[in-house]
Amino acid sequence: MKITCEDVANVALLSRLEFSESELETFTGQLDAILEYADVLNKLNVDSVEPTAHVLPLKNVMRADEAKPSLPRELALVNAPEQEDGYFKVPKIMEG
């Protein structure tokens, strides 16, 4: 399947993105190349390849979850630029 400028324009519309004509042409070529390469990968015989979640043999090393005494509130707030009622005071970032 070949990606067209109309396909990219439709996805842009659904994504609420605006592209110029030259950007549409650029992205069309890029997306088409990506999908062509994915099609090449789909044609590979991977029957003998074991599924893997990561290319390296990694595993999480977790410590025991044990309750320990925390930092005293006064010490935690000692370098706070602003505090209020024993809490860090930060600028409002959301309307509410």
N, C-alpha and C. Protein backbone atom coordinates (compact mmCIF):
# COMPACT_ATOMS: atom_id res chain seq x y z
N MET A 1 0.84 -1.19 0.00
CA MET A 1 0.00 0.00 0.00
C MET A 1 0.88 1.24 0.00
N LYS A 2 0.58 2.15 -0.83
CA LYS A 2 1.34 3.39 -0.94
C LYS A 2 0.62 4.50 -0.19
N ILE A 3 1.36 5.23 0.62
CA ILE A 3 0.81 6.35 1.38
C ILE A 3 0.69 7.55 0.45
N THR A 4 -0.43 8.24 0.51
CA THR A 4 -0.63 9.43 -0.32
C THR A 4 -0.65 10.68 0.55
N CYS A 5 -0.53 11.82 -0.10
CA CYS A 5 -0.62 13.09 0.63
C CYS A 5 -1.98 13.23 1.31
N GLU A 6 -3.02 12.67 0.67
CA GLU A 6 -4.36 12.73 1.26
C GLU A 6 -4.41 11.92 2.56
N ASP A 7 -3.71 10.77 2.58
CA ASP A 7 -3.66 9.96 3.81
C ASP A 7 -3.02 10.76 4.94
N VAL A 8 -1.90 11.39 4.63
CA VAL A 8 -1.19 12.18 5.65
C VAL A 8 -2.03 13.37 6.08
N ALA A 9 -2.69 14.02 5.14
CA ALA A 9 -3.55 15.16 5.48
C ALA A 9 -4.70 14.72 6.38
N ASN A 10 -5.26 13.53 6.12
CA ASN A 10 -6.35 13.01 6.95
C ASN A 10 -5.87 12.73 8.37
N VAL A 11 -4.71 12.10 8.50
CA VAL A 11 -4.16 11.83 9.84
C VAL A 11 -3.84 13.14 10.55
N ALA A 12 -3.32 14.10 9.81
CA ALA A 12 -3.03 15.41 10.40
C ALA A 12 -4.30 16.06 10.91
N LEU A 13 -5.37 15.97 10.13
CA LEU A 13 -6.66 16.54 10.55
C LEU A 13 -7.15 15.87 11.83
N LEU A 14 -7.08 14.54 11.87
CA LEU A 14 -7.53 13.80 13.05
C LEU A 14 -6.67 14.12 14.27
N SER A 15 -5.40 14.44 14.02
CA SER A 15 -4.47 14.75 15.11
C SER A 15 -4.45 16.23 15.46
N ARG A 16 -5.27 17.00 14.78
CA ARG A 16 -5.33 18.45 14.98
C ARG A 16 -3.98 19.11 14.69
N LEU A 17 -3.31 18.65 13.61
CA LEU A 17 -2.03 19.22 13.18
C LEU A 17 -2.23 19.92 11.85
N GLU A 18 -1.48 20.97 11.64
CA GLU A 18 -1.53 21.69 10.38
C GLU A 18 -0.17 21.61 9.72
N PHE A 19 -0.12 21.19 8.45
CA PHE A 19 1.11 21.09 7.69
C PHE A 19 0.99 21.87 6.39
N SER A 20 2.11 22.43 5.98
CA SER A 20 2.16 23.07 4.67
C SER A 20 2.21 21.98 3.60
N GLU A 21 2.04 22.37 2.35
CA GLU A 21 2.10 21.39 1.26
C GLU A 21 3.46 20.70 1.21
N SER A 22 4.53 21.47 1.43
CA SER A 22 5.87 20.85 1.37
C SER A 22 6.07 19.88 2.53
N GLU A 23 5.51 20.20 3.70
CA GLU A 23 5.60 19.28 4.84
C GLU A 23 4.80 18.01 4.56
N LEU A 24 3.62 18.16 3.96
CA LEU A 24 2.82 16.99 3.61
C LEU A 24 3.58 16.07 2.67
N GLU A 25 4.25 16.64 1.68
CA GLU A 25 5.03 15.84 0.74
C GLU A 25 6.19 15.15 1.44
N THR A 26 6.88 15.88 2.31
CA THR A 26 8.01 15.30 3.05
C THR A 26 7.54 14.15 3.93
N PHE A 27 6.48 14.37 4.71
CA PHE A 27 6.00 13.34 5.62
C PHE A 27 5.41 12.15 4.85
N THR A 28 4.82 12.41 3.71
CA THR A 28 4.29 11.32 2.89
C THR A 28 5.43 10.39 2.46
N GLY A 29 6.52 10.98 1.97
CA GLY A 29 7.68 10.18 1.58
C GLY A 29 8.28 9.41 2.74
N GLN A 30 8.39 10.07 3.88
CA GLN A 30 8.97 9.42 5.06
C GLN A 30 8.10 8.27 5.55
N LEU A 31 6.80 8.51 5.66
CA LEU A 31 5.90 7.45 6.13
C LEU A 31 5.85 6.29 5.15
N ASP A 32 5.87 6.60 3.87
CA ASP A 32 5.86 5.54 2.87
C ASP A 32 7.13 4.68 2.99
N ALA A 33 8.28 5.32 3.19
CA ALA A 33 9.54 4.58 3.34
C ALA A 33 9.51 3.70 4.59
N ILE A 34 8.95 4.22 5.67
CA ILE A 34 8.85 3.45 6.92
C ILE A 34 7.98 2.22 6.71
N LEU A 35 6.83 2.41 6.07
CA LEU A 35 5.92 1.28 5.85
C LEU A 35 6.50 0.26 4.87
N GLU A 36 7.24 0.72 3.87
CA GLU A 36 7.90 -0.21 2.95
C GLU A 36 8.92 -1.06 3.70
N TYR A 37 9.68 -0.43 4.61
CA TYR A 37 10.66 -1.17 5.39
C TYR A 37 9.97 -2.16 6.33
N ALA A 38 8.87 -1.75 6.93
CA ALA A 38 8.11 -2.65 7.80
C ALA A 38 7.61 -3.85 7.00
N ASP A 39 7.23 -3.62 5.76
CA ASP A 39 6.78 -4.72 4.90
C ASP A 39 7.93 -5.69 4.62
N VAL A 40 9.13 -5.16 4.43
CA VAL A 40 10.31 -6.02 4.24
C VAL A 40 10.53 -6.87 5.49
N LEU A 41 10.42 -6.25 6.66
CA LEU A 41 10.60 -6.99 7.91
C LEU A 41 9.53 -8.06 8.09
N ASN A 42 8.31 -7.76 7.68
CA ASN A 42 7.22 -8.74 7.80
C ASN A 42 7.45 -9.98 6.95
N LYS A 43 8.24 -9.84 5.89
CA LYS A 43 8.50 -10.97 5.00
C LYS A 43 9.62 -11.88 5.49
N LEU A 44 10.35 -11.46 6.54
CA LEU A 44 11.44 -12.28 7.06
C LEU A 44 10.91 -13.52 7.77
N ASN A 45 11.64 -14.61 7.64
CA ASN A 45 11.29 -15.84 8.34
C ASN A 45 11.89 -15.79 9.74
N VAL A 46 11.05 -15.68 10.73
CA VAL A 46 11.51 -15.57 12.11
C VAL A 46 11.01 -16.75 12.95
N ASP A 47 10.70 -17.86 12.28
CA ASP A 47 10.18 -19.03 13.00
C ASP A 47 11.15 -19.55 14.04
N SER A 48 12.44 -19.43 13.77
CA SER A 48 13.43 -19.97 14.71
C SER A 48 13.92 -18.94 15.72
N VAL A 49 13.36 -17.74 15.69
CA VAL A 49 13.77 -16.68 16.60
C VAL A 49 12.84 -16.68 17.81
N GLU A 50 13.44 -16.82 18.98
CA GLU A 50 12.65 -16.84 20.21
C GLU A 50 12.16 -15.43 20.54
N PRO A 51 10.90 -15.27 20.90
CA PRO A 51 10.39 -13.93 21.26
C PRO A 51 11.15 -13.37 22.46
N THR A 52 11.35 -12.07 22.45
CA THR A 52 12.06 -11.42 23.53
C THR A 52 11.45 -10.05 23.81
N ALA A 53 11.56 -9.62 25.04
CA ALA A 53 11.05 -8.31 25.40
C ALA A 53 12.16 -7.27 25.37
N HIS A 54 13.42 -7.73 25.39
CA HIS A 54 14.55 -6.81 25.42
C HIS A 54 15.74 -7.49 24.75
N VAL A 55 16.56 -6.73 24.07
CA VAL A 55 17.69 -7.32 23.36
C VAL A 55 18.80 -7.77 24.30
N LEU A 56 18.85 -7.24 25.48
CA LEU A 56 19.87 -7.63 26.46
C LEU A 56 19.23 -8.46 27.57
N PRO A 57 19.98 -9.39 28.13
CA PRO A 57 19.42 -10.21 29.21
C PRO A 57 19.35 -9.44 30.54
N LEU A 58 18.42 -8.52 30.64
CA LEU A 58 18.29 -7.71 31.84
C LEU A 58 17.16 -8.24 32.72
N LYS A 59 17.31 -8.03 34.01
CA LYS A 59 16.20 -8.31 34.90
C LYS A 59 16.23 -7.28 36.01
N ASN A 60 15.07 -6.94 36.51
CA ASN A 60 14.99 -5.95 37.57
C ASN A 60 15.57 -6.52 38.86
N VAL A 61 16.36 -5.70 39.51
CA VAL A 61 16.89 -6.07 40.81
C VAL A 61 16.20 -5.16 41.81
N MET A 62 15.35 -5.75 42.60
CA MET A 62 14.56 -4.96 43.54
C MET A 62 15.03 -5.23 44.97
N ARG A 63 15.00 -4.18 45.75
CA ARG A 63 15.30 -4.35 47.17
C ARG A 63 13.99 -4.65 47.89
N ALA A 64 14.12 -5.19 49.05
CA ALA A 64 12.92 -5.48 49.85
C ALA A 64 12.22 -4.17 50.19
N ASP A 65 10.91 -4.18 50.13
CA ASP A 65 10.12 -3.00 50.43
C ASP A 65 9.87 -2.98 51.94
N GLU A 66 10.73 -2.25 52.63
CA GLU A 66 10.65 -2.19 54.09
C GLU A 66 10.39 -0.75 54.53
N ALA A 67 9.50 -0.58 55.48
CA ALA A 67 9.23 0.74 56.02
C ALA A 67 10.42 1.18 56.85
N LYS A 68 10.87 2.40 56.60
CA LYS A 68 12.00 2.97 57.35
C LYS A 68 11.63 4.38 57.76
N PRO A 69 12.28 4.90 58.78
CA PRO A 69 11.98 6.28 59.19
C PRO A 69 12.29 7.25 58.06
N SER A 70 11.42 8.24 57.86
CA SER A 70 11.63 9.21 56.81
C SER A 70 12.33 10.45 57.35
N LEU A 71 12.67 11.34 56.45
CA LEU A 71 13.32 12.60 56.81
C LEU A 71 12.34 13.45 57.61
N PRO A 72 12.78 14.07 58.68
CA PRO A 72 11.86 14.95 59.43
C PRO A 72 11.35 16.08 58.54
N ARG A 73 10.10 16.43 58.69
CA ARG A 73 9.47 17.45 57.84
C ARG A 73 10.25 18.76 57.86
N GLU A 74 10.69 19.18 59.01
CA GLU A 74 11.42 20.45 59.12
C GLU A 74 12.71 20.42 58.30
N LEU A 75 13.42 19.29 58.33
CA LEU A 75 14.66 19.15 57.58
C LEU A 75 14.37 19.09 56.07
N ALA A 76 13.29 18.44 55.68
CA ALA A 76 12.94 18.36 54.26
C ALA A 76 12.58 19.73 53.71
N LEU A 77 11.99 20.59 54.52
CA LEU A 77 11.54 21.91 54.06
C LEU A 77 12.58 23.01 54.26
N VAL A 78 13.73 22.68 54.83
CA VAL A 78 14.69 23.72 55.18
C VAL A 78 15.16 24.53 53.96
N ASN A 79 15.29 23.93 52.79
CA ASN A 79 15.74 24.66 51.60
C ASN A 79 14.61 24.99 50.63
N ALA A 80 13.38 24.78 51.04
CA ALA A 80 12.24 25.08 50.16
C ALA A 80 12.14 26.58 49.94
N PRO A 81 12.02 27.01 48.69
CA PRO A 81 11.87 28.45 48.44
C PRO A 81 10.63 29.02 49.11
N GLU A 82 9.55 28.22 49.09
CA GLU A 82 8.31 28.63 49.77
C GLU A 82 7.67 27.40 50.40
N GLN A 83 7.06 27.61 51.56
CA GLN A 83 6.33 26.54 52.21
C GLN A 83 5.09 27.12 52.87
N GLU A 84 4.12 26.26 53.07
CA GLU A 84 2.87 26.71 53.68
C GLU A 84 2.27 25.55 54.46
N ASP A 85 2.00 25.75 55.71
CA ASP A 85 1.39 24.75 56.59
C ASP A 85 2.16 23.42 56.59
N GLY A 86 3.49 23.50 56.52
CA GLY A 86 4.30 22.30 56.57
C GLY A 86 4.44 21.56 55.25
N TYR A 87 4.06 22.20 54.13
CA TYR A 87 4.15 21.59 52.80
C TYR A 87 4.94 22.50 51.87
N PHE A 88 5.50 21.90 50.79
CA PHE A 88 6.14 22.71 49.76
C PHE A 88 5.05 23.52 49.07
N LYS A 89 5.32 24.79 48.81
CA LYS A 89 4.38 25.62 48.06
C LYS A 89 4.98 25.82 46.68
N VAL A 90 4.23 25.47 45.65
CA VAL A 90 4.69 25.55 44.27
C VAL A 90 3.70 26.39 43.47
N PRO A 91 4.16 26.94 42.34
CA PRO A 91 3.24 27.73 41.51
C PRO A 91 2.11 26.86 40.96
N LYS A 92 0.96 27.46 40.82
CA LYS A 92 -0.20 26.77 40.25
C LYS A 92 0.06 26.54 38.76
N ILE A 93 -0.17 25.32 38.30
CA ILE A 93 0.09 25.03 36.88
C ILE A 93 -1.19 24.67 36.12
N MET A 94 -2.27 24.45 36.81
CA MET A 94 -3.52 24.08 36.14
C MET A 94 -4.64 24.98 36.64
N GLU A 95 -5.53 25.27 35.73
CA GLU A 95 -6.71 26.05 36.11
C GLU A 95 -7.65 25.14 36.88
N GLY A 96 -8.30 25.63 37.85
CA GLY A 96 -9.21 24.74 38.55
C GLY A 96 -10.12 25.48 39.38
